[in-house]
Amino acid sequence: YYNVMQLMTAEGDNFRSGRWSPGANQT
């Protein structure tokens, strides 16, 4: 759901707003 959880203080278009990722930089 694009930009639904975008913070009002954030600049630009964050197409990942509200998305939670564990990160793939695991050792």
mmCIF file of all heavy atoms, coordinates in Angstrom:
data_MODEL
# 
_entry.id   MODEL 
# 
loop_
_atom_site.group_PDB 
_atom_site.id 
_atom_site.type_symbol 
_atom_site.label_atom_id 
_atom_site.label_alt_id 
_atom_site.label_comp_id 
_atom_site.label_asym_id 
_atom_site.label_entity_id 
_atom_site.label_seq_id 
_atom_site.pdbx_PDB_ins_code 
_atom_site.Cartn_x 
_atom_site.Cartn_y 
_atom_site.Cartn_z 
_atom_site.occupancy 
_atom_site.B_iso_or_equiv 
_atom_site.pdbx_formal_charge 
_atom_site.auth_seq_id 
_atom_site.auth_comp_id 
_atom_site.auth_asym_id 
_atom_site.auth_atom_id 
_atom_site.pdbx_PDB_model_num 
ATOM 1   N N   . TYR A 1 1  ? 0.869  -1.177  0.000  1.00 0.00 ? 1  TYR A N   1 
ATOM 2   C CA  . TYR A 1 1  ? 0.000  0.000   0.000  1.00 0.00 ? 1  TYR A CA  1 
ATOM 3   C C   . TYR A 1 1  ? 0.904  1.224   0.000  1.00 0.00 ? 1  TYR A C   1 
ATOM 4   O O   . TYR A 1 1  ? 1.351  1.693   1.040  1.00 0.00 ? 1  TYR A O   1 
ATOM 5   C CB  . TYR A 1 1  ? -0.949 -0.027  1.198  1.00 0.00 ? 1  TYR A CB  1 
ATOM 6   C CG  . TYR A 1 1  ? -1.795 -1.278  1.160  1.00 0.00 ? 1  TYR A CG  1 
ATOM 7   C CD1 . TYR A 1 1  ? -1.508 -2.370  1.962  1.00 0.00 ? 1  TYR A CD1 1 
ATOM 8   C CD2 . TYR A 1 1  ? -2.841 -1.371  0.260  1.00 0.00 ? 1  TYR A CD2 1 
ATOM 9   C CE1 . TYR A 1 1  ? -2.261 -3.518  1.878  1.00 0.00 ? 1  TYR A CE1 1 
ATOM 10  C CE2 . TYR A 1 1  ? -3.604 -2.526  0.170  1.00 0.00 ? 1  TYR A CE2 1 
ATOM 11  C CZ  . TYR A 1 1  ? -3.307 -3.595  0.980  1.00 0.00 ? 1  TYR A CZ  1 
ATOM 12  O OH  . TYR A 1 1  ? -4.041 -4.741  0.881  1.00 0.00 ? 1  TYR A OH  1 
ATOM 13  N N   . TYR A 1 2  ? 1.176  1.728   -1.163 1.00 0.00 ? 2  TYR A N   1 
ATOM 14  C CA  . TYR A 1 2  ? 2.186  2.754   -1.396 1.00 0.00 ? 2  TYR A CA  1 
ATOM 15  C C   . TYR A 1 2  ? 1.966  4.013   -0.568 1.00 0.00 ? 2  TYR A C   1 
ATOM 16  O O   . TYR A 1 2  ? 0.908  4.624   -0.613 1.00 0.00 ? 2  TYR A O   1 
ATOM 17  C CB  . TYR A 1 2  ? 2.226  3.105   -2.891 1.00 0.00 ? 2  TYR A CB  1 
ATOM 18  C CG  . TYR A 1 2  ? 2.447  1.880   -3.733 1.00 0.00 ? 2  TYR A CG  1 
ATOM 19  C CD1 . TYR A 1 2  ? 1.376  1.235   -4.330 1.00 0.00 ? 2  TYR A CD1 1 
ATOM 20  C CD2 . TYR A 1 2  ? 3.720  1.341   -3.884 1.00 0.00 ? 2  TYR A CD2 1 
ATOM 21  C CE1 . TYR A 1 2  ? 1.573  0.089   -5.087 1.00 0.00 ? 2  TYR A CE1 1 
ATOM 22  C CE2 . TYR A 1 2  ? 3.920  0.198   -4.640 1.00 0.00 ? 2  TYR A CE2 1 
ATOM 23  C CZ  . TYR A 1 2  ? 2.842  -0.423  -5.234 1.00 0.00 ? 2  TYR A CZ  1 
ATOM 24  O OH  . TYR A 1 2  ? 3.037  -1.558  -5.960 1.00 0.00 ? 2  TYR A OH  1 
ATOM 25  N N   . ASN A 1 3  ? 2.993  4.386   0.198  1.00 0.00 ? 3  ASN A N   1 
ATOM 26  C CA  . ASN A 1 3  ? 3.066  5.621   0.977  1.00 0.00 ? 3  ASN A CA  1 
ATOM 27  C C   . ASN A 1 3  ? 2.005  5.768   2.061  1.00 0.00 ? 3  ASN A C   1 
ATOM 28  O O   . ASN A 1 3  ? 1.874  6.846   2.635  1.00 0.00 ? 3  ASN A O   1 
ATOM 29  C CB  . ASN A 1 3  ? 3.036  6.850   0.059  1.00 0.00 ? 3  ASN A CB  1 
ATOM 30  C CG  . ASN A 1 3  ? 4.268  6.922   -0.814 1.00 0.00 ? 3  ASN A CG  1 
ATOM 31  O OD1 . ASN A 1 3  ? 5.365  6.570   -0.387 1.00 0.00 ? 3  ASN A OD1 1 
ATOM 32  N ND2 . ASN A 1 3  ? 4.102  7.351   -2.038 1.00 0.00 ? 3  ASN A ND2 1 
ATOM 33  N N   . VAL A 1 4  ? 1.259  4.727   2.392  1.00 0.00 ? 4  VAL A N   1 
ATOM 34  C CA  . VAL A 1 4  ? 0.259  4.837   3.452  1.00 0.00 ? 4  VAL A CA  1 
ATOM 35  C C   . VAL A 1 4  ? 0.922  5.129   4.788  1.00 0.00 ? 4  VAL A C   1 
ATOM 36  O O   . VAL A 1 4  ? 0.442  5.955   5.559  1.00 0.00 ? 4  VAL A O   1 
ATOM 37  C CB  . VAL A 1 4  ? -0.605 3.558   3.546  1.00 0.00 ? 4  VAL A CB  1 
ATOM 38  C CG1 . VAL A 1 4  ? -1.469 3.552   4.788  1.00 0.00 ? 4  VAL A CG1 1 
ATOM 39  C CG2 . VAL A 1 4  ? -1.464 3.428   2.303  1.00 0.00 ? 4  VAL A CG2 1 
ATOM 40  N N   . MET A 1 5  ? 2.053  4.495   5.085  1.00 0.00 ? 5  MET A N   1 
ATOM 41  C CA  . MET A 1 5  ? 2.741  4.719   6.356  1.00 0.00 ? 5  MET A CA  1 
ATOM 42  C C   . MET A 1 5  ? 3.928  5.667   6.192  1.00 0.00 ? 5  MET A C   1 
ATOM 43  O O   . MET A 1 5  ? 4.835  5.687   7.006  1.00 0.00 ? 5  MET A O   1 
ATOM 44  C CB  . MET A 1 5  ? 3.193  3.387   6.954  1.00 0.00 ? 5  MET A CB  1 
ATOM 45  C CG  . MET A 1 5  ? 2.046  2.484   7.353  1.00 0.00 ? 5  MET A CG  1 
ATOM 46  S SD  . MET A 1 5  ? 0.898  3.200   8.547  1.00 0.00 ? 5  MET A SD  1 
ATOM 47  C CE  . MET A 1 5  ? 1.916  3.293   9.994  1.00 0.00 ? 5  MET A CE  1 
ATOM 48  N N   . GLN A 1 6  ? 3.918  6.489   5.173  1.00 0.00 ? 6  GLN A N   1 
ATOM 49  C CA  . GLN A 1 6  ? 4.969  7.482   4.947  1.00 0.00 ? 6  GLN A CA  1 
ATOM 50  C C   . GLN A 1 6  ? 4.896  8.548   6.037  1.00 0.00 ? 6  GLN A C   1 
ATOM 51  O O   . GLN A 1 6  ? 3.825  9.108   6.297  1.00 0.00 ? 6  GLN A O   1 
ATOM 52  C CB  . GLN A 1 6  ? 4.791  8.142   3.579  1.00 0.00 ? 6  GLN A CB  1 
ATOM 53  C CG  . GLN A 1 6  ? 5.800  9.198   3.253  1.00 0.00 ? 6  GLN A CG  1 
ATOM 54  C CD  . GLN A 1 6  ? 7.132  8.590   2.845  1.00 0.00 ? 6  GLN A CD  1 
ATOM 55  O OE1 . GLN A 1 6  ? 7.195  7.451   2.425  1.00 0.00 ? 6  GLN A OE1 1 
ATOM 56  N NE2 . GLN A 1 6  ? 8.186  9.339   2.986  1.00 0.00 ? 6  GLN A NE2 1 
ATOM 57  N N   . LEU A 1 7  ? 6.015  8.819   6.696  1.00 0.00 ? 7  LEU A N   1 
ATOM 58  C CA  . LEU A 1 7  ? 6.044  9.860   7.716  1.00 0.00 ? 7  LEU A CA  1 
ATOM 59  C C   . LEU A 1 7  ? 5.940  11.223  7.055  1.00 0.00 ? 7  LEU A C   1 
ATOM 60  O O   . LEU A 1 7  ? 6.546  11.468  6.011  1.00 0.00 ? 7  LEU A O   1 
ATOM 61  C CB  . LEU A 1 7  ? 7.340  9.766   8.528  1.00 0.00 ? 7  LEU A CB  1 
ATOM 62  C CG  . LEU A 1 7  ? 7.513  8.474   9.326  1.00 0.00 ? 7  LEU A CG  1 
ATOM 63  C CD1 . LEU A 1 7  ? 8.891  8.427   9.959  1.00 0.00 ? 7  LEU A CD1 1 
ATOM 64  C CD2 . LEU A 1 7  ? 6.435  8.340   10.374 1.00 0.00 ? 7  LEU A CD2 1 
ATOM 65  N N   . MET A 1 8  ? 5.204  12.110  7.651  1.00 0.00 ? 8  MET A N   1 
ATOM 66  C CA  . MET A 1 8  ? 5.023  13.452  7.087  1.00 0.00 ? 8  MET A CA  1 
ATOM 67  C C   . MET A 1 8  ? 6.337  14.218  7.009  1.00 0.00 ? 8  MET A C   1 
ATOM 68  O O   . MET A 1 8  ? 6.497  15.099  6.186  1.00 0.00 ? 8  MET A O   1 
ATOM 69  C CB  . MET A 1 8  ? 4.005  14.246  7.918  1.00 0.00 ? 8  MET A CB  1 
ATOM 70  C CG  . MET A 1 8  ? 2.612  13.639  7.887  1.00 0.00 ? 8  MET A CG  1 
ATOM 71  S SD  . MET A 1 8  ? 1.930  13.475  6.229  1.00 0.00 ? 8  MET A SD  1 
ATOM 72  C CE  . MET A 1 8  ? 1.655  15.174  5.818  1.00 0.00 ? 8  MET A CE  1 
ATOM 73  N N   . THR A 1 9  ? 7.307  13.867  7.867  1.00 0.00 ? 9  THR A N   1 
ATOM 74  C CA  . THR A 1 9  ? 8.596  14.558  7.861  1.00 0.00 ? 9  THR A CA  1 
ATOM 75  C C   . THR A 1 9  ? 9.553  14.008  6.816  1.00 0.00 ? 9  THR A C   1 
ATOM 76  O O   . THR A 1 9  ? 10.589 14.593  6.564  1.00 0.00 ? 9  THR A O   1 
ATOM 77  C CB  . THR A 1 9  ? 9.267  14.447  9.243  1.00 0.00 ? 9  THR A CB  1 
ATOM 78  O OG1 . THR A 1 9  ? 9.421  13.061  9.559  1.00 0.00 ? 9  THR A OG1 1 
ATOM 79  C CG2 . THR A 1 9  ? 8.419  15.131  10.307 1.00 0.00 ? 9  THR A CG2 1 
ATOM 80  N N   . ALA A 1 10 ? 9.215  12.873  6.219  1.00 0.00 ? 10 ALA A N   1 
ATOM 81  C CA  . ALA A 1 10 ? 10.096 12.255  5.234  1.00 0.00 ? 10 ALA A CA  1 
ATOM 82  C C   . ALA A 1 10 ? 10.046 13.027  3.919  1.00 0.00 ? 10 ALA A C   1 
ATOM 83  O O   . ALA A 1 10 ? 9.001  13.506  3.499  1.00 0.00 ? 10 ALA A O   1 
ATOM 84  C CB  . ALA A 1 10 ? 9.702  10.804  4.998  1.00 0.00 ? 10 ALA A CB  1 
ATOM 85  N N   . GLU A 1 11 ? 11.189 13.132  3.285  1.00 0.00 ? 11 GLU A N   1 
ATOM 86  C CA  . GLU A 1 11 ? 11.252 13.812  1.997  1.00 0.00 ? 11 GLU A CA  1 
ATOM 87  C C   . GLU A 1 11 ? 11.245 12.791  0.872  1.00 0.00 ? 11 GLU A C   1 
ATOM 88  O O   . GLU A 1 11 ? 11.743 11.685  1.019  1.00 0.00 ? 11 GLU A O   1 
ATOM 89  C CB  . GLU A 1 11 ? 12.529 14.646  1.909  1.00 0.00 ? 11 GLU A CB  1 
ATOM 90  C CG  . GLU A 1 11 ? 12.538 15.812  2.856  1.00 0.00 ? 11 GLU A CG  1 
ATOM 91  C CD  . GLU A 1 11 ? 13.777 16.665  2.690  1.00 0.00 ? 11 GLU A CD  1 
ATOM 92  O OE1 . GLU A 1 11 ? 14.376 16.651  1.606  1.00 0.00 ? 11 GLU A OE1 1 
ATOM 93  O OE2 . GLU A 1 11 ? 14.134 17.344  3.661  1.00 0.00 ? 11 GLU A OE2 1 
ATOM 94  N N   . GLY A 1 12 ? 10.716 13.188  -0.254 1.00 0.00 ? 12 GLY A N   1 
ATOM 95  C CA  . GLY A 1 12 ? 10.747 12.329  -1.434 1.00 0.00 ? 12 GLY A CA  1 
ATOM 96  C C   . GLY A 1 12 ? 9.670  11.268  -1.406 1.00 0.00 ? 12 GLY A C   1 
ATOM 97  O O   . GLY A 1 12 ? 8.829  11.200  -0.520 1.00 0.00 ? 12 GLY A O   1 
ATOM 98  N N   . ASP A 1 13 ? 9.726  10.426  -2.403 1.00 0.00 ? 13 ASP A N   1 
ATOM 99  C CA  . ASP A 1 13 ? 8.761  9.363   -2.570 1.00 0.00 ? 13 ASP A CA  1 
ATOM 100 C C   . ASP A 1 13 ? 9.394  8.052   -2.130 1.00 0.00 ? 13 ASP A C   1 
ATOM 101 O O   . ASP A 1 13 ? 10.265 7.526   -2.810 1.00 0.00 ? 13 ASP A O   1 
ATOM 102 C CB  . ASP A 1 13 ? 8.333  9.285   -4.044 1.00 0.00 ? 13 ASP A CB  1 
ATOM 103 C CG  . ASP A 1 13 ? 7.272  8.231   -4.267 1.00 0.00 ? 13 ASP A CG  1 
ATOM 104 O OD1 . ASP A 1 13 ? 6.547  7.906   -3.312 1.00 0.00 ? 13 ASP A OD1 1 
ATOM 105 O OD2 . ASP A 1 13 ? 7.183  7.732   -5.394 1.00 0.00 ? 13 ASP A OD2 1 
ATOM 106 N N   . ASN A 1 14 ? 9.006  7.538   -0.993 1.00 0.00 ? 14 ASN A N   1 
ATOM 107 C CA  . ASN A 1 14 ? 9.550  6.297   -0.473 1.00 0.00 ? 14 ASN A CA  1 
ATOM 108 C C   . ASN A 1 14 ? 8.604  5.159   -0.836 1.00 0.00 ? 14 ASN A C   1 
ATOM 109 O O   . ASN A 1 14 ? 7.628  4.901   -0.142 1.00 0.00 ? 14 ASN A O   1 
ATOM 110 C CB  . ASN A 1 14 ? 9.727  6.391   1.043  1.00 0.00 ? 14 ASN A CB  1 
ATOM 111 C CG  . ASN A 1 14 ? 10.321 5.132   1.624  1.00 0.00 ? 14 ASN A CG  1 
ATOM 112 O OD1 . ASN A 1 14 ? 10.614 4.173   0.906  1.00 0.00 ? 14 ASN A OD1 1 
ATOM 113 N ND2 . ASN A 1 14 ? 10.494 5.111   2.917  1.00 0.00 ? 14 ASN A ND2 1 
ATOM 114 N N   . PHE A 1 15 ? 8.898  4.488   -1.939 1.00 0.00 ? 15 PHE A N   1 
ATOM 115 C CA  . PHE A 1 15 ? 7.990  3.436   -2.407 1.00 0.00 ? 15 PHE A CA  1 
ATOM 116 C C   . PHE A 1 15 ? 7.967  2.227   -1.486 1.00 0.00 ? 15 PHE A C   1 
ATOM 117 O O   . PHE A 1 15 ? 7.139  1.348   -1.643 1.00 0.00 ? 15 PHE A O   1 
ATOM 118 C CB  . PHE A 1 15 ? 8.335  3.020   -3.845 1.00 0.00 ? 15 PHE A CB  1 
ATOM 119 C CG  . PHE A 1 15 ? 9.520  2.097   -3.958 1.00 0.00 ? 15 PHE A CG  1 
ATOM 120 C CD1 . PHE A 1 15 ? 9.328  0.745   -4.167 1.00 0.00 ? 15 PHE A CD1 1 
ATOM 121 C CD2 . PHE A 1 15 ? 10.808 2.575   -3.853 1.00 0.00 ? 15 PHE A CD2 1 
ATOM 122 C CE1 . PHE A 1 15 ? 10.400 -0.119  -4.279 1.00 0.00 ? 15 PHE A CE1 1 
ATOM 123 C CE2 . PHE A 1 15 ? 11.888 1.728   -3.970 1.00 0.00 ? 15 PHE A CE2 1 
ATOM 124 C CZ  . PHE A 1 15 ? 11.692 0.374   -4.182 1.00 0.00 ? 15 PHE A CZ  1 
ATOM 125 N N   . ARG A 1 16 ? 8.862  2.175   -0.501 1.00 0.00 ? 16 ARG A N   1 
ATOM 126 C CA  . ARG A 1 16 ? 8.860  1.069   0.461  1.00 0.00 ? 16 ARG A CA  1 
ATOM 127 C C   . ARG A 1 16 ? 8.257  1.473   1.803  1.00 0.00 ? 16 ARG A C   1 
ATOM 128 O O   . ARG A 1 16 ? 8.382  0.727   2.760  1.00 0.00 ? 16 ARG A O   1 
ATOM 129 C CB  . ARG A 1 16 ? 10.282 0.573   0.689  1.00 0.00 ? 16 ARG A CB  1 
ATOM 130 C CG  . ARG A 1 16 ? 10.871 -0.126  -0.493 1.00 0.00 ? 16 ARG A CG  1 
ATOM 131 C CD  . ARG A 1 16 ? 12.199 -0.725  -0.115 1.00 0.00 ? 16 ARG A CD  1 
ATOM 132 N NE  . ARG A 1 16 ? 12.862 -1.231  -1.281 1.00 0.00 ? 16 ARG A NE  1 
ATOM 133 C CZ  . ARG A 1 16 ? 14.162 -1.322  -1.410 1.00 0.00 ? 16 ARG A CZ  1 
ATOM 134 N NH1 . ARG A 1 16 ? 14.948 -0.939  -0.439 1.00 0.00 ? 16 ARG A NH1 1 
ATOM 135 N NH2 . ARG A 1 16 ? 14.694 -1.796  -2.506 1.00 0.00 ? 16 ARG A NH2 1 
ATOM 136 N N   . SER A 1 17 ? 7.631  2.617   1.910  1.00 0.00 ? 17 SER A N   1 
ATOM 137 C CA  . SER A 1 17 ? 7.092  3.061   3.194  1.00 0.00 ? 17 SER A CA  1 
ATOM 138 C C   . SER A 1 17 ? 6.138  2.011   3.753  1.00 0.00 ? 17 SER A C   1 
ATOM 139 O O   . SER A 1 17 ? 5.283  1.486   3.042  1.00 0.00 ? 17 SER A O   1 
ATOM 140 C CB  . SER A 1 17 ? 6.386  4.403   3.047  1.00 0.00 ? 17 SER A CB  1 
ATOM 141 O OG  . SER A 1 17 ? 5.286  4.284   2.188  1.00 0.00 ? 17 SER A OG  1 
ATOM 142 N N   . GLY A 1 18 ? 6.294  1.698   5.014  1.00 0.00 ? 18 GLY A N   1 
ATOM 143 C CA  . GLY A 1 18 ? 5.449  0.705   5.659  1.00 0.00 ? 18 GLY A CA  1 
ATOM 144 C C   . GLY A 1 18 ? 5.877  -0.726  5.441  1.00 0.00 ? 18 GLY A C   1 
ATOM 145 O O   . GLY A 1 18 ? 5.346  -1.635  6.059  1.00 0.00 ? 18 GLY A O   1 
ATOM 146 N N   . ARG A 1 19 ? 6.863  -0.967  4.598  1.00 0.00 ? 19 ARG A N   1 
ATOM 147 C CA  . ARG A 1 19 ? 7.346  -2.320  4.326  1.00 0.00 ? 19 ARG A CA  1 
ATOM 148 C C   . ARG A 1 19 ? 8.394  -2.691  5.349  1.00 0.00 ? 19 ARG A C   1 
ATOM 149 O O   . ARG A 1 19 ? 9.273  -1.895  5.665  1.00 0.00 ? 19 ARG A O   1 
ATOM 150 C CB  . ARG A 1 19 ? 7.943  -2.380  2.925  1.00 0.00 ? 19 ARG A CB  1 
ATOM 151 C CG  . ARG A 1 19 ? 8.370  -3.748  2.507  1.00 0.00 ? 19 ARG A CG  1 
ATOM 152 C CD  . ARG A 1 19 ? 8.857  -3.698  1.047  1.00 0.00 ? 19 ARG A CD  1 
ATOM 153 N NE  . ARG A 1 19 ? 9.427  -4.941  0.667  1.00 0.00 ? 19 ARG A NE  1 
ATOM 154 C CZ  . ARG A 1 19 ? 10.715 -5.257  0.826  1.00 0.00 ? 19 ARG A CZ  1 
ATOM 155 N NH1 . ARG A 1 19 ? 11.544 -4.388  1.335  1.00 0.00 ? 19 ARG A NH1 1 
ATOM 156 N NH2 . ARG A 1 19 ? 11.156 -6.432  0.462  1.00 0.00 ? 19 ARG A NH2 1 
ATOM 157 N N   . TRP A 1 20 ? 8.331  -3.893  5.884  1.00 0.00 ? 20 TRP A N   1 
ATOM 158 C CA  . TRP A 1 20 ? 9.282  -4.349  6.896  1.00 0.00 ? 20 TRP A CA  1 
ATOM 159 C C   . TRP A 1 20 ? 10.095 -5.487  6.315  1.00 0.00 ? 20 TRP A C   1 
ATOM 160 O O   . TRP A 1 20 ? 9.556  -6.512  5.924  1.00 0.00 ? 20 TRP A O   1 
ATOM 161 C CB  . TRP A 1 20 ? 8.526  -4.803  8.127  1.00 0.00 ? 20 TRP A CB  1 
ATOM 162 C CG  . TRP A 1 20 ? 9.386  -5.175  9.287  1.00 0.00 ? 20 TRP A CG  1 
ATOM 163 C CD1 . TRP A 1 20 ? 10.625 -4.690  9.585  1.00 0.00 ? 20 TRP A CD1 1 
ATOM 164 C CD2 . TRP A 1 20 ? 9.061  -6.091  10.324 1.00 0.00 ? 20 TRP A CD2 1 
ATOM 165 N NE1 . TRP A 1 20 ? 11.080 -5.239  10.752 1.00 0.00 ? 20 TRP A NE1 1 
ATOM 166 C CE2 . TRP A 1 20 ? 10.134 -6.105  11.223 1.00 0.00 ? 20 TRP A CE2 1 
ATOM 167 C CE3 . TRP A 1 20 ? 7.965  -6.890  10.578 1.00 0.00 ? 20 TRP A CE3 1 
ATOM 168 C CZ2 . TRP A 1 20 ? 10.148 -6.898  12.366 1.00 0.00 ? 20 TRP A CZ2 1 
ATOM 169 C CZ3 . TRP A 1 20 ? 7.975  -7.674  11.718 1.00 0.00 ? 20 TRP A CZ3 1 
ATOM 170 C CH2 . TRP A 1 20 ? 9.053  -7.677  12.601 1.00 0.00 ? 20 TRP A CH2 1 
ATOM 171 N N   . SER A 1 21 ? 11.386 -5.310  6.256  1.00 0.00 ? 21 SER A N   1 
ATOM 172 C CA  . SER A 1 21 ? 12.275 -6.319  5.684  1.00 0.00 ? 21 SER A CA  1 
ATOM 173 C C   . SER A 1 21 ? 13.334 -6.710  6.700  1.00 0.00 ? 21 SER A C   1 
ATOM 174 O O   . SER A 1 21 ? 13.910 -5.847  7.356  1.00 0.00 ? 21 SER A O   1 
ATOM 175 C CB  . SER A 1 21 ? 12.953 -5.754  4.432  1.00 0.00 ? 21 SER A CB  1 
ATOM 176 O OG  . SER A 1 21 ? 13.897 -6.668  3.932  1.00 0.00 ? 21 SER A OG  1 
ATOM 177 N N   . PRO A 1 22 ? 13.629 -8.002  6.826  1.00 0.00 ? 22 PRO A N   1 
ATOM 178 C CA  . PRO A 1 22 ? 14.669 -8.424  7.761  1.00 0.00 ? 22 PRO A CA  1 
ATOM 179 C C   . PRO A 1 22 ? 16.069 -8.069  7.291  1.00 0.00 ? 22 PRO A C   1 
ATOM 180 O O   . PRO A 1 22 ? 17.003 -8.095  8.075  1.00 0.00 ? 22 PRO A O   1 
ATOM 181 C CB  . PRO A 1 22 ? 14.504 -9.943  7.837  1.00 0.00 ? 22 PRO A CB  1 
ATOM 182 C CG  . PRO A 1 22 ? 13.866 -10.304 6.549  1.00 0.00 ? 22 PRO A CG  1 
ATOM 183 C CD  . PRO A 1 22 ? 12.996 -9.135  6.171  1.00 0.00 ? 22 PRO A CD  1 
ATOM 184 N N   . GLY A 1 23 ? 16.243 -7.723  6.043  1.00 0.00 ? 23 GLY A N   1 
ATOM 185 C CA  . GLY A 1 23 ? 17.578 -7.412  5.527  1.00 0.00 ? 23 GLY A CA  1 
ATOM 186 C C   . GLY A 1 23 ? 18.263 -8.673  5.046  1.00 0.00 ? 23 GLY A C   1 
ATOM 187 O O   . GLY A 1 23 ? 18.103 -9.744  5.627  1.00 0.00 ? 23 GLY A O   1 
ATOM 188 N N   . ALA A 1 24 ? 18.993 -8.563  3.979  1.00 0.00 ? 24 ALA A N   1 
ATOM 189 C CA  . ALA A 1 24 ? 19.663 -9.732  3.406  1.00 0.00 ? 24 ALA A CA  1 
ATOM 190 C C   . ALA A 1 24 ? 21.169 -9.638  3.568  1.00 0.00 ? 24 ALA A C   1 
ATOM 191 O O   . ALA A 1 24 ? 21.910 -10.301 2.880  1.00 0.00 ? 24 ALA A O   1 
ATOM 192 C CB  . ALA A 1 24 ? 19.300 -9.866  1.934  1.00 0.00 ? 24 ALA A CB  1 
ATOM 193 N N   . ASN A 1 25 ? 21.625 -8.816  4.491  1.00 0.00 ? 25 ASN A N   1 
ATOM 194 C CA  . ASN A 1 25 ? 23.068 -8.679  4.704  1.00 0.00 ? 25 ASN A CA  1 
ATOM 195 C C   . ASN A 1 25 ? 23.533 -9.539  5.874  1.00 0.00 ? 25 ASN A C   1 
ATOM 196 O O   . ASN A 1 25 ? 24.350 -9.131  6.664  1.00 0.00 ? 25 ASN A O   1 
ATOM 197 C CB  . ASN A 1 25 ? 23.429 -7.206  4.922  1.00 0.00 ? 25 ASN A CB  1 
ATOM 198 C CG  . ASN A 1 25 ? 22.649 -6.599  6.072  1.00 0.00 ? 25 ASN A CG  1 
ATOM 199 O OD1 . ASN A 1 25 ? 21.761 -7.230  6.628  1.00 0.00 ? 25 ASN A OD1 1 
ATOM 200 N ND2 . ASN A 1 25 ? 22.985 -5.377  6.424  1.00 0.00 ? 25 ASN A ND2 1 
ATOM 201 N N   . GLN A 1 26 ? 22.997 -10.732 5.960  1.00 0.00 ? 26 GLN A N   1 
ATOM 202 C CA  . GLN A 1 26 ? 23.326 -11.646 7.046  1.00 0.00 ? 26 GLN A CA  1 
ATOM 203 C C   . GLN A 1 26 ? 24.711 -12.257 6.853  1.00 0.00 ? 26 GLN A C   1 
ATOM 204 O O   . GLN A 1 26 ? 25.092 -12.609 5.755  1.00 0.00 ? 26 GLN A O   1 
ATOM 205 C CB  . GLN A 1 26 ? 22.296 -12.785 7.091  1.00 0.00 ? 26 GLN A CB  1 
ATOM 206 C CG  . GLN A 1 26 ? 20.865 -12.353 7.086  1.00 0.00 ? 26 GLN A CG  1 
ATOM 207 C CD  . GLN A 1 26 ? 20.435 -11.713 8.382  1.00 0.00 ? 26 GLN A CD  1 
ATOM 208 O OE1 . GLN A 1 26 ? 20.931 -12.041 9.444  1.00 0.00 ? 26 GLN A OE1 1 
ATOM 209 N NE2 . GLN A 1 26 ? 19.526 -10.778 8.289  1.00 0.00 ? 26 GLN A NE2 1 
ATOM 210 N N   . THR A 1 27 ? 25.453 -12.397 7.959  1.00 0.00 ? 27 THR A N   1 
ATOM 211 C CA  . THR A 1 27 ? 26.717 -13.122 7.883  1.00 0.00 ? 27 THR A CA  1 
ATOM 212 C C   . THR A 1 27 ? 26.472 -14.620 8.013  1.00 0.00 ? 27 THR A C   1 
ATOM 213 O O   . THR A 1 27 ? 27.257 -15.416 7.532  1.00 0.00 ? 27 THR A O   1 
ATOM 214 C CB  . THR A 1 27 ? 27.691 -12.644 8.987  1.00 0.00 ? 27 THR A CB  1 
ATOM 215 O OG1 . THR A 1 27 ? 27.039 -12.749 10.259 1.00 0.00 ? 27 THR A OG1 1 
ATOM 216 C CG2 . THR A 1 27 ? 28.116 -11.213 8.727  1.00 0.00 ? 27 THR A CG2 1 
# 
